[in-house]
Amino acid sequence: MDAQNWQRSVAAHLQNQWPTIPIDDLLEAAGDLWCDEHWRAMPPEEAAVRWLKLGVLSDRDADVSSSLSRCGEPSLAQRVRPLS
């Protein structure tokens, strides 16, 4: 699967959790995950579910875009790693 389709699929799964977050912000988060080999190695649904299980964000977070940066400096999505 190419990067764009993977990111769209992850963003769609994230939107199920956060329906009020703009899709562009979710695509940005998915892009940050894609930049990390750990997440990119997973199918999109699995990456989204595992990332959500880490509890990195909640729907009370008002501004996802301020905590994520697109493949430049490490973003929240890039820094979060499974404990095991």
Protein backbone atom coordinates (compact mmCIF):
# COMPACT_ATOMS: atom_id res chain seq x y z
CA MET A 1 0.00 0.00 0.00
CA ASP A 2 1.36 3.42 -0.87
CA ALA A 3 1.85 6.20 1.69
CA GLN A 4 -1.19 8.24 0.69
CA ASN A 5 -3.62 5.31 0.90
CA TRP A 6 -2.11 4.13 4.19
CA GLN A 7 -2.46 7.59 5.70
CA ARG A 8 -6.04 7.97 4.47
CA SER A 9 -6.95 4.62 5.99
CA VAL A 10 -5.35 5.47 9.34
CA ALA A 11 -7.06 8.87 9.36
CA ALA A 12 -10.43 7.21 8.70
CA HIS A 13 -9.92 4.92 11.69
CA LEU A 14 -8.87 7.86 13.86
CA GLN A 15 -11.96 9.77 12.76
CA ASN A 16 -14.10 7.01 14.27
CA GLN A 17 -12.59 7.94 17.65
CA TRP A 18 -12.51 11.70 17.12
CA PRO A 19 -15.36 12.66 14.76
CA THR A 20 -15.09 16.36 15.65
CA ILE A 21 -11.39 16.68 14.76
CA PRO A 22 -10.92 18.01 11.20
CA ILE A 23 -9.87 15.29 8.76
CA ASP A 24 -6.83 17.37 7.73
CA ASP A 25 -5.52 17.15 11.30
CA LEU A 26 -6.10 13.40 11.36
CA LEU A 27 -4.32 13.04 8.02
CA GLU A 28 -1.42 14.97 9.52
CA ALA A 29 -1.30 12.61 12.50
CA ALA A 30 -1.42 9.64 10.13
CA GLY A 31 1.43 11.21 8.15
CA ASP A 32 3.49 11.50 11.32
CA LEU A 33 2.85 7.84 12.05
CA TRP A 34 3.88 6.95 8.49
CA CYS A 35 7.23 8.69 9.09
CA ASP A 36 8.00 6.21 11.86
CA GLU A 37 9.06 2.77 10.61
CA HIS A 38 7.48 1.10 13.65
CA TRP A 39 3.97 2.27 12.70
CA ARG A 40 4.49 2.11 8.94
CA ALA A 41 5.26 -1.62 9.15
CA MET A 42 1.72 -2.30 10.38
CA PRO A 43 -1.47 -2.41 8.34
CA PRO A 44 -3.29 0.93 8.72
CA GLU A 45 -6.11 -0.38 10.90
CA GLU A 46 -3.67 -2.07 13.27
CA ALA A 47 -1.49 1.05 13.51
CA ALA A 48 -4.51 3.23 14.30
CA VAL A 49 -5.91 0.83 16.90
CA ARG A 50 -2.56 0.34 18.64
CA TRP A 51 -1.84 4.06 18.67
CA LEU A 52 -5.29 4.77 20.10
CA LYS A 53 -4.78 2.12 22.78
CA LEU A 54 -1.71 4.02 23.96
CA GLY A 55 -4.08 6.81 24.97
CA VAL A 56 -1.92 9.50 23.40
CA LEU A 57 -4.85 11.86 22.87
CA SER A 58 -8.38 12.15 24.08
CA ASP A 59 -11.36 13.83 22.51
CA ARG A 60 -10.98 16.66 25.03
CA ASP A 61 -7.75 17.71 23.28
CA ALA A 62 -8.75 20.85 21.45
CA ASP A 63 -5.85 21.26 19.04
CA VAL A 64 -4.28 18.12 17.61
CA SER A 65 -2.26 20.07 15.08
CA SER A 66 -0.27 21.92 17.75
CA SER A 67 1.10 18.67 19.16
CA LEU A 68 2.00 17.03 15.84
CA SER A 69 4.55 18.08 13.26
CA ARG A 70 4.90 16.65 9.79
CA CYS A 71 8.08 14.50 9.65
CA GLY A 72 10.31 17.32 10.84
CA GLU A 73 11.04 17.40 14.52
CA PRO A 74 9.71 14.43 16.47
CA SER A 75 6.00 14.81 17.02
CA LEU A 76 3.87 13.20 19.66
CA ALA A 77 2.91 10.50 17.17
CA GLN A 78 6.57 9.76 16.46
CA ARG A 79 7.70 9.77 20.10
CA VAL A 80 5.04 7.37 21.40
CA ARG A 81 6.31 3.80 21.43
CA PRO A 82 4.81 0.64 22.86
CA LEU A 83 6.09 -0.23 26.31
CA SER A 84 7.01 -3.79 25.37
